[in-house]
Amino acid sequence: MQVRVKKKDLLMSKTEMRLQRYKKITFIRKKPILLLSHSILNRTYMIQRIQSLYLLLAMVAIGLLFYFPVANYFSDMDCYRFSITEFTSLNPNVSSPFSKFFTFPLLINALALVILSGISIFYYKNRKLQINILNFNILFNIVLIVLLFFYTDKINKAIQISPEFAVGTFLPLISLLFFVLASRNIRKDEKLVKSADRLR
C-alpha cells in the first residue's frame, strides 16, 4: 500500500512539475509580446504629446495673425496697413477705400481655425475624429492662404501701390506646416495602436 501511495505521489509531483514548466514556457513566450506591446503604447503616448504640441503651435501661429499685419502699402502720398481684422490708412486724413466688412471672411476663417485647433487637441483619445477635424483645419488653412494673396492683389489694383509683405503673410504657412505634421503623427499613432492590439 505504501509503495502504491508513493507511486501516486510521484506521479502527482511529476504532473505538477510539468504544469509549472508549461506555465513558465508560455510566460516566457508571451513576455516579449507583452514587452513589445508595452513599448509600442509608450511610444504612442510620446507621439501623442508631440502631435498635441504641433496643434498648439499651429493655433498660436493663427492667433498671432490677429496682432501682426499681413502687408503694408507705402507711397509718397498714402500709407496703408492690411491685416485680417481691417484695412486701414495710417494717415488719419485719408479714409480707407474699402468698407469695414472688407476683411470679414478672413476674420471668420482665422477664428474657425483657432477654435478647431483647440477642439482637436482635446480629442486625443478619439484619433479618427481628431484626423477629421485636422482635415478641415488643413482645408481652411489653405483657403486662408489663397484669400490672403487674393486680397493683397485686389488692394494693389484698387490703390495702385505694391504691397510689402509682413509677418502675417508667413504665419498661415507656418500653421499649415504644423497641421500637416500633427496629422502625420496621428496617423502613425493609429497604426501603432492597431499593431499593439494585434499583438495582444
N, C-alpha and C. Protein backbone atom coordinates (compact mmCIF):
# COMPACT_ATOMS: atom_id res chain seq x y z
N MET A 1 0.83 -1.22 0.00
CA MET A 1 0.00 0.00 0.00
C MET A 1 0.86 1.26 0.00
N GLN A 2 1.92 1.24 0.79
CA GLN A 2 2.80 2.41 0.90
C GLN A 2 3.52 2.68 -0.42
N VAL A 3 3.89 1.56 -1.12
CA VAL A 3 4.57 1.69 -2.40
C VAL A 3 3.66 2.34 -3.42
N ARG A 4 2.36 1.90 -3.43
CA ARG A 4 1.37 2.46 -4.34
C ARG A 4 1.14 3.95 -4.08
N VAL A 5 1.08 4.31 -2.82
CA VAL A 5 0.87 5.70 -2.42
C VAL A 5 2.05 6.55 -2.87
N LYS A 6 3.24 6.01 -2.71
CA LYS A 6 4.43 6.74 -3.12
C LYS A 6 4.46 6.95 -4.62
N LYS A 7 4.03 5.87 -5.37
CA LYS A 7 3.96 5.98 -6.82
C LYS A 7 2.98 7.06 -7.25
N LYS A 8 1.85 7.10 -6.57
CA LYS A 8 0.84 8.14 -6.86
C LYS A 8 1.38 9.53 -6.58
N ASP A 9 2.08 9.64 -5.45
CA ASP A 9 2.68 10.94 -5.07
C ASP A 9 3.70 11.38 -6.10
N LEU A 10 4.49 10.40 -6.58
CA LEU A 10 5.50 10.71 -7.59
C LEU A 10 4.85 11.17 -8.89
N LEU A 11 3.77 10.48 -9.27
CA LEU A 11 3.04 10.84 -10.48
C LEU A 11 2.44 12.24 -10.37
N MET A 12 1.87 12.53 -9.18
CA MET A 12 1.27 13.85 -8.93
C MET A 12 2.33 14.94 -8.98
N SER A 13 3.46 14.66 -8.36
CA SER A 13 4.54 15.65 -8.33
C SER A 13 5.10 15.90 -9.73
N LYS A 14 5.19 14.82 -10.56
CA LYS A 14 5.68 14.95 -11.93
C LYS A 14 4.74 15.80 -12.78
N THR A 15 3.44 15.56 -12.63
CA THR A 15 2.43 16.33 -13.38
C THR A 15 2.44 17.79 -12.97
N GLU A 16 2.59 18.03 -11.68
CA GLU A 16 2.67 19.41 -11.18
C GLU A 16 3.89 20.13 -11.72
N MET A 17 5.01 19.39 -11.75
CA MET A 17 6.25 19.96 -12.29
C MET A 17 6.10 20.29 -13.78
N ARG A 18 5.44 19.39 -14.51
CA ARG A 18 5.20 19.62 -15.93
C ARG A 18 4.33 20.86 -16.16
N LEU A 19 3.30 20.98 -15.33
CA LEU A 19 2.40 22.14 -15.42
C LEU A 19 3.15 23.45 -15.14
N GLN A 20 3.99 23.42 -14.13
CA GLN A 20 4.78 24.62 -13.79
C GLN A 20 5.74 24.99 -14.91
N ARG A 21 6.36 23.93 -15.51
CA ARG A 21 7.26 24.18 -16.64
C ARG A 21 6.51 24.78 -17.84
N TYR A 22 5.32 24.22 -18.08
CA TYR A 22 4.49 24.70 -19.20
C TYR A 22 4.10 26.16 -18.99
N LYS A 23 3.74 26.48 -17.74
CA LYS A 23 3.37 27.87 -17.42
C LYS A 23 4.55 28.82 -17.62
N LYS A 24 5.74 28.35 -17.20
CA LYS A 24 6.95 29.17 -17.36
C LYS A 24 7.28 29.40 -18.82
N ILE A 25 7.14 28.31 -19.61
CA ILE A 25 7.43 28.40 -21.05
C ILE A 25 6.47 29.36 -21.75
N THR A 26 5.16 29.21 -21.43
CA THR A 26 4.15 30.09 -22.06
C THR A 26 4.36 31.54 -21.63
N PHE A 27 4.75 31.76 -20.37
CA PHE A 27 5.01 33.12 -19.90
C PHE A 27 6.22 33.72 -20.61
N ILE A 28 7.27 32.87 -20.76
CA ILE A 28 8.49 33.33 -21.45
C ILE A 28 8.18 33.67 -22.90
N ARG A 29 7.32 32.86 -23.51
CA ARG A 29 6.94 33.12 -24.89
C ARG A 29 6.11 34.39 -25.04
N LYS A 30 5.23 34.60 -24.07
CA LYS A 30 4.35 35.77 -24.12
C LYS A 30 5.05 37.06 -23.70
N LYS A 31 6.10 36.91 -22.89
CA LYS A 31 6.78 38.08 -22.33
C LYS A 31 7.29 39.05 -23.39
N PRO A 32 8.00 38.58 -24.46
CA PRO A 32 8.45 39.53 -25.49
C PRO A 32 7.30 40.28 -26.15
N ILE A 33 6.17 39.55 -26.35
CA ILE A 33 4.99 40.19 -26.97
C ILE A 33 4.43 41.27 -26.07
N LEU A 34 4.36 40.95 -24.76
CA LEU A 34 3.85 41.93 -23.79
C LEU A 34 4.77 43.14 -23.70
N LEU A 35 6.08 42.86 -23.70
CA LEU A 35 7.06 43.96 -23.65
C LEU A 35 6.99 44.82 -24.89
N LEU A 36 6.81 44.16 -26.06
CA LEU A 36 6.72 44.87 -27.33
C LEU A 36 5.48 45.75 -27.38
N SER A 37 4.35 45.19 -26.95
CA SER A 37 3.11 45.97 -26.93
C SER A 37 3.20 47.13 -25.95
N HIS A 38 3.88 46.88 -24.81
CA HIS A 38 4.07 47.95 -23.81
C HIS A 38 4.94 49.08 -24.36
N SER A 39 6.00 48.70 -25.08
CA SER A 39 6.88 49.71 -25.69
C SER A 39 6.16 50.49 -26.77
N ILE A 40 5.30 49.80 -27.52
CA ILE A 40 4.50 50.47 -28.57
C ILE A 40 3.56 51.49 -27.95
N LEU A 41 2.93 51.11 -26.84
CA LEU A 41 2.00 52.02 -26.16
C LEU A 41 2.72 53.24 -25.59
N ASN A 42 3.95 52.99 -25.05
CA ASN A 42 4.76 54.11 -24.54
C ASN A 42 5.14 55.06 -25.66
N ARG A 43 5.52 54.47 -26.80
CA ARG A 43 5.89 55.28 -27.96
C ARG A 43 4.69 56.07 -28.48
N THR A 44 3.51 55.44 -28.43
CA THR A 44 2.27 56.10 -28.85
C THR A 44 1.99 57.31 -27.98
N TYR A 45 2.21 57.15 -26.66
CA TYR A 45 2.00 58.26 -25.72
C TYR A 45 2.92 59.43 -26.04
N MET A 46 4.18 59.10 -26.39
CA MET A 46 5.16 60.14 -26.73
C MET A 46 4.74 60.87 -28.01
N ILE A 47 4.29 60.10 -29.00
CA ILE A 47 3.82 60.71 -30.27
C ILE A 47 2.62 61.60 -30.01
N GLN A 48 1.72 61.13 -29.12
CA GLN A 48 0.52 61.90 -28.80
C GLN A 48 0.90 63.27 -28.23
N ARG A 49 1.91 63.31 -27.39
CA ARG A 49 2.37 64.59 -26.82
C ARG A 49 2.96 65.48 -27.91
N ILE A 50 3.67 64.88 -28.87
CA ILE A 50 4.29 65.64 -29.96
C ILE A 50 3.22 66.26 -30.85
N GLN A 51 2.21 65.46 -31.19
CA GLN A 51 1.17 65.98 -32.08
C GLN A 51 0.32 67.06 -31.38
N SER A 52 0.13 66.93 -30.09
CA SER A 52 -0.58 67.97 -29.33
C SER A 52 0.22 69.27 -29.34
N LEU A 53 1.55 69.14 -29.27
CA LEU A 53 2.43 70.31 -29.33
C LEU A 53 2.33 70.98 -30.70
N TYR A 54 2.30 70.17 -31.77
CA TYR A 54 2.16 70.71 -33.12
C TYR A 54 0.84 71.48 -33.28
N LEU A 55 -0.22 70.91 -32.74
CA LEU A 55 -1.54 71.56 -32.82
C LEU A 55 -1.55 72.88 -32.05
N LEU A 56 -0.90 72.87 -30.89
CA LEU A 56 -0.82 74.08 -30.07
C LEU A 56 -0.03 75.18 -30.80
N LEU A 57 1.08 74.79 -31.42
CA LEU A 57 1.91 75.75 -32.17
C LEU A 57 1.16 76.30 -33.38
N ALA A 58 0.39 75.46 -34.04
CA ALA A 58 -0.43 75.92 -35.18
C ALA A 58 -1.49 76.92 -34.71
N MET A 59 -2.10 76.64 -33.57
CA MET A 59 -3.11 77.54 -33.01
C MET A 59 -2.50 78.88 -32.62
N VAL A 60 -1.29 78.83 -32.06
CA VAL A 60 -0.58 80.07 -31.68
C VAL A 60 -0.25 80.90 -32.93
N ALA A 61 0.20 80.21 -33.99
CA ALA A 61 0.55 80.89 -35.24
C ALA A 61 -0.66 81.62 -35.84
N ILE A 62 -1.81 80.97 -35.81
CA ILE A 62 -3.04 81.61 -36.32
C ILE A 62 -3.48 82.73 -35.38
N GLY A 63 -3.32 82.51 -34.08
CA GLY A 63 -3.69 83.55 -33.10
C GLY A 63 -2.87 84.82 -33.27
N LEU A 64 -1.59 84.67 -33.61
CA LEU A 64 -0.71 85.83 -33.83
C LEU A 64 -1.12 86.64 -35.06
N LEU A 65 -1.87 85.99 -35.94
CA LEU A 65 -2.34 86.67 -37.15
C LEU A 65 -3.30 87.83 -36.82
N PHE A 66 -3.90 87.78 -35.64
CA PHE A 66 -4.80 88.86 -35.20
C PHE A 66 -4.03 90.11 -34.76
N TYR A 67 -2.73 89.95 -34.52
CA TYR A 67 -1.93 91.06 -34.00
C TYR A 67 -0.89 91.60 -34.99
N PHE A 68 -0.51 90.76 -35.95
CA PHE A 68 0.50 91.19 -36.93
C PHE A 68 -0.13 91.48 -38.28
N PRO A 69 0.33 92.54 -38.97
CA PRO A 69 -0.23 92.85 -40.29
C PRO A 69 0.22 91.85 -41.35
N VAL A 70 -0.61 91.70 -42.37
CA VAL A 70 -0.27 90.81 -43.50
C VAL A 70 0.64 91.54 -44.48
N ALA A 71 0.29 92.80 -44.76
CA ALA A 71 1.08 93.61 -45.71
C ALA A 71 0.91 95.09 -45.41
N ASN A 72 1.91 95.85 -45.81
CA ASN A 72 1.86 97.32 -45.72
C ASN A 72 1.98 97.91 -47.13
N TYR A 73 1.30 99.03 -47.32
CA TYR A 73 1.34 99.72 -48.62
C TYR A 73 1.84 101.15 -48.40
N PHE A 74 3.02 101.43 -48.91
CA PHE A 74 3.62 102.75 -48.70
C PHE A 74 3.81 103.46 -50.05
N SER A 75 3.46 104.73 -50.03
CA SER A 75 3.73 105.61 -51.19
C SER A 75 4.07 107.01 -50.66
N ASP A 76 4.37 107.92 -51.54
CA ASP A 76 4.69 109.30 -51.13
C ASP A 76 3.47 110.01 -50.54
N MET A 77 2.30 109.59 -50.97
CA MET A 77 1.06 110.26 -50.55
C MET A 77 0.34 109.53 -49.41
N ASP A 78 0.27 108.20 -49.53
CA ASP A 78 -0.55 107.41 -48.59
C ASP A 78 0.24 106.24 -47.99
N CYS A 79 -0.24 105.83 -46.83
CA CYS A 79 0.30 104.64 -46.17
C CYS A 79 -0.86 103.81 -45.63
N TYR A 80 -0.89 102.53 -46.00
CA TYR A 80 -1.99 101.65 -45.58
C TYR A 80 -1.43 100.40 -44.90
N ARG A 81 -2.27 99.86 -44.02
CA ARG A 81 -1.92 98.60 -43.35
C ARG A 81 -3.06 97.60 -43.54
N PHE A 82 -2.67 96.41 -43.96
CA PHE A 82 -3.65 95.35 -44.20
C PHE A 82 -3.44 94.20 -43.22
N SER A 83 -4.48 93.89 -42.46
CA SER A 83 -4.46 92.73 -41.55
C SER A 83 -5.78 91.98 -41.71
N ILE A 84 -5.93 90.86 -41.03
CA ILE A 84 -7.17 90.09 -41.16
C ILE A 84 -8.34 90.76 -40.45
N THR A 85 -8.04 91.71 -39.59
CA THR A 85 -9.10 92.42 -38.85
C THR A 85 -9.59 93.68 -39.56
N GLU A 86 -8.68 94.32 -40.34
CA GLU A 86 -9.06 95.56 -41.02
C GLU A 86 -8.05 95.97 -42.08
N PHE A 87 -8.53 96.83 -42.98
CA PHE A 87 -7.63 97.52 -43.91
C PHE A 87 -7.78 99.01 -43.60
N THR A 88 -6.72 99.61 -43.12
CA THR A 88 -6.81 100.98 -42.64
C THR A 88 -5.68 101.86 -43.16
N SER A 89 -5.94 103.13 -43.23
CA SER A 89 -4.93 104.10 -43.63
C SER A 89 -4.19 104.60 -42.39
N LEU A 90 -2.88 104.69 -42.49
CA LEU A 90 -2.07 105.20 -41.37
C LEU A 90 -2.13 106.72 -41.29
N ASN A 91 -2.63 107.31 -42.33
CA ASN A 91 -2.85 108.77 -42.37
C ASN A 91 -4.28 109.05 -41.91
N PRO A 92 -4.47 109.74 -40.79
CA PRO A 92 -5.83 109.99 -40.27
C PRO A 92 -6.69 110.83 -41.20
N ASN A 93 -6.09 111.58 -42.08
CA ASN A 93 -6.84 112.43 -43.01
C ASN A 93 -7.32 111.69 -44.26
N VAL A 94 -6.81 110.47 -44.43
CA VAL A 94 -7.18 109.66 -45.61
C VAL A 94 -8.07 108.51 -45.16
N SER A 95 -9.20 108.35 -45.82
CA SER A 95 -10.13 107.27 -45.47
C SER A 95 -9.80 106.01 -46.28
N SER A 96 -10.21 104.88 -45.77
CA SER A 96 -9.96 103.61 -46.45
C SER A 96 -10.91 103.46 -47.64
N PRO A 97 -10.41 102.95 -48.77
CA PRO A 97 -11.28 102.77 -49.95
C PRO A 97 -12.22 101.58 -49.83
N PHE A 98 -12.08 100.82 -48.77
CA PHE A 98 -12.91 99.62 -48.58
C PHE A 98 -13.79 99.78 -47.33
N SER A 99 -14.84 99.00 -47.28
CA SER A 99 -15.76 99.05 -46.14
C SER A 99 -15.16 98.36 -44.91
N LYS A 100 -15.83 98.52 -43.78
CA LYS A 100 -15.37 97.91 -42.52
C LYS A 100 -15.43 96.38 -42.57
N PHE A 101 -16.32 95.86 -43.41
CA PHE A 101 -16.52 94.41 -43.50
C PHE A 101 -15.67 93.77 -44.61
N PHE A 102 -14.73 94.51 -45.12
CA PHE A 102 -13.88 94.04 -46.22
C PHE A 102 -13.10 92.78 -45.84
N THR A 103 -12.54 92.75 -44.65
CA THR A 103 -11.72 91.61 -44.20
C THR A 103 -12.52 90.58 -43.38
N PHE A 104 -13.84 90.71 -43.36
CA PHE A 104 -14.69 89.82 -42.55
C PHE A 104 -14.50 88.33 -42.89
N PRO A 105 -14.43 87.92 -44.17
CA PRO A 105 -14.21 86.50 -44.48
C PRO A 105 -12.88 85.96 -43.91
N LEU A 106 -11.85 86.80 -43.92
CA LEU A 106 -10.56 86.40 -43.36
C LEU A 106 -10.65 86.19 -41.85
N LEU A 107 -11.37 87.08 -41.21
CA LEU A 107 -11.55 87.01 -39.76
C LEU A 107 -12.30 85.74 -39.35
N ILE A 108 -13.38 85.42 -40.07
CA ILE A 108 -14.17 84.22 -39.78
C ILE A 108 -13.33 82.96 -39.99
N ASN A 109 -12.57 82.95 -41.08
CA ASN A 109 -11.72 81.80 -41.39
C ASN A 109 -10.67 81.57 -40.30
N ALA A 110 -10.02 82.64 -39.86
CA ALA A 110 -8.99 82.54 -38.82
C ALA A 110 -9.59 82.10 -37.48
N LEU A 111 -10.77 82.62 -37.15
CA LEU A 111 -11.45 82.22 -35.91
C LEU A 111 -11.81 80.74 -35.93
N ALA A 112 -12.31 80.28 -37.08
CA ALA A 112 -12.66 78.86 -37.23
C ALA A 112 -11.43 77.97 -37.05
N LEU A 113 -10.30 78.42 -37.56
CA LEU A 113 -9.04 77.66 -37.42
C LEU A 113 -8.60 77.56 -35.97
N VAL A 114 -8.69 78.67 -35.25
CA VAL A 114 -8.29 78.68 -33.83
C VAL A 114 -9.20 77.76 -33.01
N ILE A 115 -10.50 77.84 -33.25
CA ILE A 115 -11.48 77.03 -32.50
C ILE A 115 -11.29 75.54 -32.79
N LEU A 116 -11.17 75.20 -34.07
CA LEU A 116 -11.00 73.79 -34.47
C LEU A 116 -9.67 73.21 -33.95
N SER A 117 -8.64 74.05 -33.93
CA SER A 117 -7.34 73.61 -33.40
C SER A 117 -7.45 73.27 -31.92
N GLY A 118 -8.13 74.15 -31.16
CA GLY A 118 -8.33 73.91 -29.73
C GLY A 118 -9.14 72.66 -29.46
N ILE A 119 -10.19 72.45 -30.28
CA ILE A 119 -11.04 71.26 -30.11
C ILE A 119 -10.25 69.98 -30.40
N SER A 120 -9.47 70.00 -31.47
CA SER A 120 -8.71 68.80 -31.87
C SER A 120 -7.69 68.36 -30.82
N ILE A 121 -7.15 69.31 -30.07
CA ILE A 121 -6.19 68.97 -29.00
C ILE A 121 -6.86 68.10 -27.93
N PHE A 122 -8.11 68.42 -27.59
CA PHE A 122 -8.81 67.71 -26.51
C PHE A 122 -9.44 66.40 -26.96
N TYR A 123 -9.43 66.13 -28.28
CA TYR A 123 -9.95 64.86 -28.79
C TYR A 123 -8.84 63.86 -29.06
N TYR A 124 -7.79 63.89 -28.22
CA TYR A 124 -6.64 62.99 -28.42
C TYR A 124 -6.99 61.52 -28.23
N LYS A 125 -8.05 61.22 -27.49
CA LYS A 125 -8.46 59.82 -27.27
C LYS A 125 -9.24 59.26 -28.46
N ASN A 126 -9.86 60.15 -29.22
CA ASN A 126 -10.61 59.74 -30.41
C ASN A 126 -9.83 60.18 -31.66
N ARG A 127 -8.91 59.32 -32.07
CA ARG A 127 -7.98 59.69 -33.14
C ARG A 127 -8.66 59.88 -34.49
N LYS A 128 -9.68 59.07 -34.77
CA LYS A 128 -10.39 59.19 -36.06
C LYS A 128 -11.07 60.55 -36.18
N LEU A 129 -11.72 60.97 -35.11
CA LEU A 129 -12.37 62.28 -35.09
C LEU A 129 -11.32 63.39 -35.16
N GLN A 130 -10.21 63.19 -34.47
CA GLN A 130 -9.12 64.17 -34.47
C GLN A 130 -8.55 64.35 -35.89
N ILE A 131 -8.42 63.26 -36.63
CA ILE A 131 -7.94 63.32 -38.02
C ILE A 131 -8.93 64.07 -38.90
N ASN A 132 -10.23 63.81 -38.70
CA ASN A 132 -11.27 64.50 -39.49
C ASN A 132 -11.26 66.01 -39.23
N ILE A 133 -11.11 66.39 -37.96
CA ILE A 133 -11.05 67.81 -37.61
C ILE A 133 -9.80 68.45 -38.23
N LEU A 134 -8.69 67.71 -38.19
CA LEU A 134 -7.44 68.20 -38.77
C LEU A 134 -7.54 68.39 -40.28
N ASN A 135 -8.29 67.51 -40.94
CA ASN A 135 -8.50 67.67 -42.38
C ASN A 135 -9.22 68.98 -42.70
N PHE A 136 -10.20 69.33 -41.86
CA PHE A 136 -10.89 70.62 -42.00
C PHE A 136 -9.94 71.78 -41.73
N ASN A 137 -9.09 71.60 -40.71
CA ASN A 137 -8.09 72.63 -40.39
C ASN A 137 -7.17 72.91 -41.57
N ILE A 138 -6.68 71.84 -42.18
CA ILE A 138 -5.78 71.97 -43.34
C ILE A 138 -6.50 72.65 -44.50
N LEU A 139 -7.76 72.25 -44.72
CA LEU A 139 -8.55 72.85 -45.80
C LEU A 139 -8.77 74.35 -45.57
N PHE A 140 -9.19 74.71 -44.35
CA PHE A 140 -9.41 76.13 -44.00
C PHE A 140 -8.12 76.92 -44.09
N ASN A 141 -7.02 76.29 -43.69
CA ASN A 141 -5.72 76.96 -43.74
C ASN A 141 -5.30 77.28 -45.17
N ILE A 142 -5.52 76.32 -46.07
CA ILE A 142 -5.20 76.54 -47.49
C ILE A 142 -6.08 77.64 -48.08
N VAL A 143 -7.36 77.61 -47.71
CA VAL A 143 -8.30 78.66 -48.18
C VAL A 143 -7.84 80.03 -47.68
N LEU A 144 -7.38 80.09 -46.41
CA LEU A 144 -6.91 81.35 -45.83
C LEU A 144 -5.69 81.89 -46.59
N ILE A 145 -4.76 81.02 -46.93
CA ILE A 145 -3.56 81.43 -47.68
C ILE A 145 -3.95 81.99 -49.05
N VAL A 146 -4.87 81.29 -49.72
CA VAL A 146 -5.34 81.74 -51.05
C VAL A 146 -6.04 83.10 -50.94
N LEU A 147 -6.88 83.23 -49.91
CA LEU A 147 -7.60 84.50 -49.70
C LEU A 147 -6.66 85.67 -49.42
N LEU A 148 -5.64 85.42 -48.65
CA LEU A 148 -4.68 86.49 -48.32
C LEU A 148 -3.99 87.03 -49.57
N PHE A 149 -3.57 86.14 -50.44
CA PHE A 149 -2.92 86.57 -51.68
C PHE A 149 -3.92 87.22 -52.64
N PHE A 150 -5.15 86.74 -52.61
CA PHE A 150 -6.21 87.35 -53.42
C PHE A 150 -6.50 88.78 -52.95
N TYR A 151 -6.55 88.96 -51.63
CA TYR A 151 -6.84 90.28 -51.04
C TYR A 151 -5.70 91.27 -51.32
N THR A 152 -4.46 90.80 -51.15
CA THR A 152 -3.32 91.70 -51.39
C THR A 152 -3.28 92.17 -52.85
N ASP A 153 -3.62 91.27 -53.76
CA ASP A 153 -3.66 91.62 -55.20
C ASP A 153 -4.81 92.59 -55.48
N LYS A 154 -5.95 92.35 -54.84
CA LYS A 154 -7.11 93.22 -55.02
C LYS A 154 -6.83 94.64 -54.51
N ILE A 155 -6.20 94.72 -53.35
CA ILE A 155 -5.83 96.02 -52.76
C ILE A 155 -4.83 96.74 -53.66
N ASN A 156 -3.87 95.99 -54.17
CA ASN A 156 -2.85 96.55 -55.07
C ASN A 156 -3.49 97.20 -56.30
N LYS A 157 -4.48 96.51 -56.87
CA LYS A 157 -5.16 97.05 -58.06
C LYS A 157 -6.04 98.26 -57.71
N ALA A 158 -6.60 98.27 -56.50
CA ALA A 158 -7.50 99.35 -56.10
C ALA A 158 -6.76 100.65 -55.78
N ILE A 159 -5.63 100.54 -55.07
CA ILE A 159 -4.92 101.77 -54.64
C ILE A 159 -3.64 102.05 -55.45
N GLN A 160 -3.30 101.08 -56.34
CA GLN A 160 -2.13 101.24 -57.22
C GLN A 160 -0.81 101.40 -56.43
N ILE A 161 -0.71 100.63 -55.35
CA ILE A 161 0.53 100.61 -54.54
C ILE A 161 0.93 99.15 -54.32
N SER A 162 2.19 98.86 -54.57
CA SER A 162 2.68 97.48 -54.38
C SER A 162 2.78 97.14 -52.90
N PRO A 163 2.39 95.92 -52.54
CA PRO A 163 2.44 95.53 -51.11
C PRO A 163 3.85 95.18 -50.65
N GLU A 164 4.09 95.46 -49.38
CA GLU A 164 5.30 94.99 -48.71
C GLU A 164 4.86 93.97 -47.67
N PHE A 165 5.10 92.72 -47.98
CA PHE A 165 4.59 91.63 -47.13
C PHE A 165 5.24 91.65 -45.75
N ALA A 166 4.39 91.45 -44.74
CA ALA A 166 4.83 91.49 -43.34
C ALA A 166 4.77 90.10 -42.72
N VAL A 167 4.91 90.05 -41.40
CA VAL A 167 4.96 88.78 -40.65
C VAL A 167 3.69 87.95 -40.86
N GLY A 168 2.55 88.64 -40.92
CA GLY A 168 1.26 87.97 -41.06
C GLY A 168 1.12 87.11 -42.30
N THR A 169 1.90 87.39 -43.33
CA THR A 169 1.85 86.59 -44.56
C THR A 169 2.40 85.18 -44.33
N PHE A 170 3.39 85.06 -43.47
CA PHE A 170 4.07 83.78 -43.27
C PHE A 170 3.46 82.93 -42.17
N LEU A 171 2.65 83.54 -41.30
CA LEU A 171 2.04 82.79 -40.19
C LEU A 171 1.11 81.66 -40.65
N PRO A 172 0.25 81.87 -41.66
CA PRO A 172 -0.58 80.75 -42.13
C PRO A 172 0.23 79.61 -42.75
N LEU A 173 1.36 79.94 -43.35
CA LEU A 173 2.24 78.90 -43.91
C LEU A 173 2.85 78.05 -42.79
N ILE A 174 3.22 78.73 -41.70
CA ILE A 174 3.78 78.03 -40.53
C ILE A 174 2.72 77.12 -39.89
N SER A 175 1.51 77.66 -39.73
CA SER A 175 0.42 76.86 -39.13
C SER A 175 0.08 75.66 -40.00
N LEU A 176 0.10 75.84 -41.33
CA LEU A 176 -0.18 74.72 -42.24
C LEU A 176 0.86 73.60 -42.07
N LEU A 177 2.10 73.99 -41.92
CA LEU A 177 3.18 73.01 -41.70
C LEU A 177 2.94 72.21 -40.42
N PHE A 178 2.55 72.90 -39.35
CA PHE A 178 2.30 72.23 -38.07
C PHE A 178 1.06 71.32 -38.16
N PHE A 179 0.04 71.74 -38.89
CA PHE A 179 -1.15 70.91 -39.08
C PHE A 179 -0.81 69.62 -39.82
N VAL A 180 0.00 69.73 -40.85
CA VAL A 180 0.41 68.56 -41.64
C VAL A 180 1.25 67.60 -40.77
N LEU A 181 2.15 68.15 -39.98
CA LEU A 181 2.98 67.33 -39.09
C LEU A 181 2.13 66.62 -38.03
N ALA A 182 1.15 67.34 -37.49
CA ALA A 182 0.25 66.75 -36.49
C ALA A 182 -0.57 65.62 -37.10
N SER A 183 -1.10 65.85 -38.30
CA SER A 183 -1.89 64.83 -39.00
C SER A 183 -1.06 63.59 -39.29
N ARG A 184 0.16 63.80 -39.70
CA ARG A 184 1.07 62.69 -39.99
C ARG A 184 1.36 61.86 -38.74
N ASN A 185 1.57 62.52 -37.61
CA ASN A 185 1.86 61.81 -36.36
C ASN A 185 0.64 61.09 -35.80
N ILE A 186 -0.53 61.66 -35.99
CA ILE A 186 -1.76 61.00 -35.53
C ILE A 186 -2.00 59.71 -36.31
N ARG A 187 -1.75 59.75 -37.60
CA ARG A 187 -1.90 58.55 -38.44
C ARG A 187 -0.90 57.47 -38.03
N LYS A 188 0.31 57.88 -37.71
CA LYS A 188 1.32 56.93 -37.21
C LYS A 188 0.87 56.33 -35.87
N ASP A 189 0.32 57.19 -35.04
CA ASP A 189 -0.20 56.79 -33.73
C ASP A 189 -1.27 55.72 -33.89
N GLU A 190 -2.18 55.94 -34.82
CA GLU A 190 -3.27 55.00 -35.08
C GLU A 190 -2.74 53.64 -35.54
N LYS A 191 -1.74 53.65 -36.40
CA LYS A 191 -1.13 52.40 -36.88
C LYS A 191 -0.44 51.64 -35.74
N LEU A 192 0.25 52.37 -34.84
CA LEU A 192 0.93 51.75 -33.71
C LEU A 192 -0.06 51.10 -32.74
N VAL A 193 -1.17 51.77 -32.50
CA VAL A 193 -2.21 51.23 -31.59
C VAL A 193 -2.83 49.97 -32.19
N LYS A 194 -3.07 49.97 -33.49
CA LYS A 194 -3.63 48.80 -34.17
C LYS A 194 -2.68 47.62 -34.12
N SER A 195 -1.39 47.89 -34.31
CA SER A 195 -0.38 46.82 -34.24
C SER A 195 -0.25 46.27 -32.81
N ALA A 196 -0.39 47.15 -31.81
CA ALA A 196 -0.36 46.70 -30.41
C ALA A 196 -1.57 45.83 -30.08
N ASP A 197 -2.73 46.17 -30.63
CA ASP A 197 -3.96 45.36 -30.42
C ASP A 197 -3.82 43.99 -31.06
N ARG A 198 -3.18 43.92 -32.21
CA ARG A 198 -2.96 42.64 -32.87
C ARG A 198 -2.05 41.72 -32.05
N LEU A 199 -1.01 42.33 -31.46
CA LEU A 199 -0.08 41.56 -30.64
C LEU A 199 -0.74 40.98 -29.39
N ARG A 200 -1.70 41.74 -28.85
CA ARG A 200 -2.42 41.25 -27.68
C ARG A 200 -3.31 40.05 -28.02
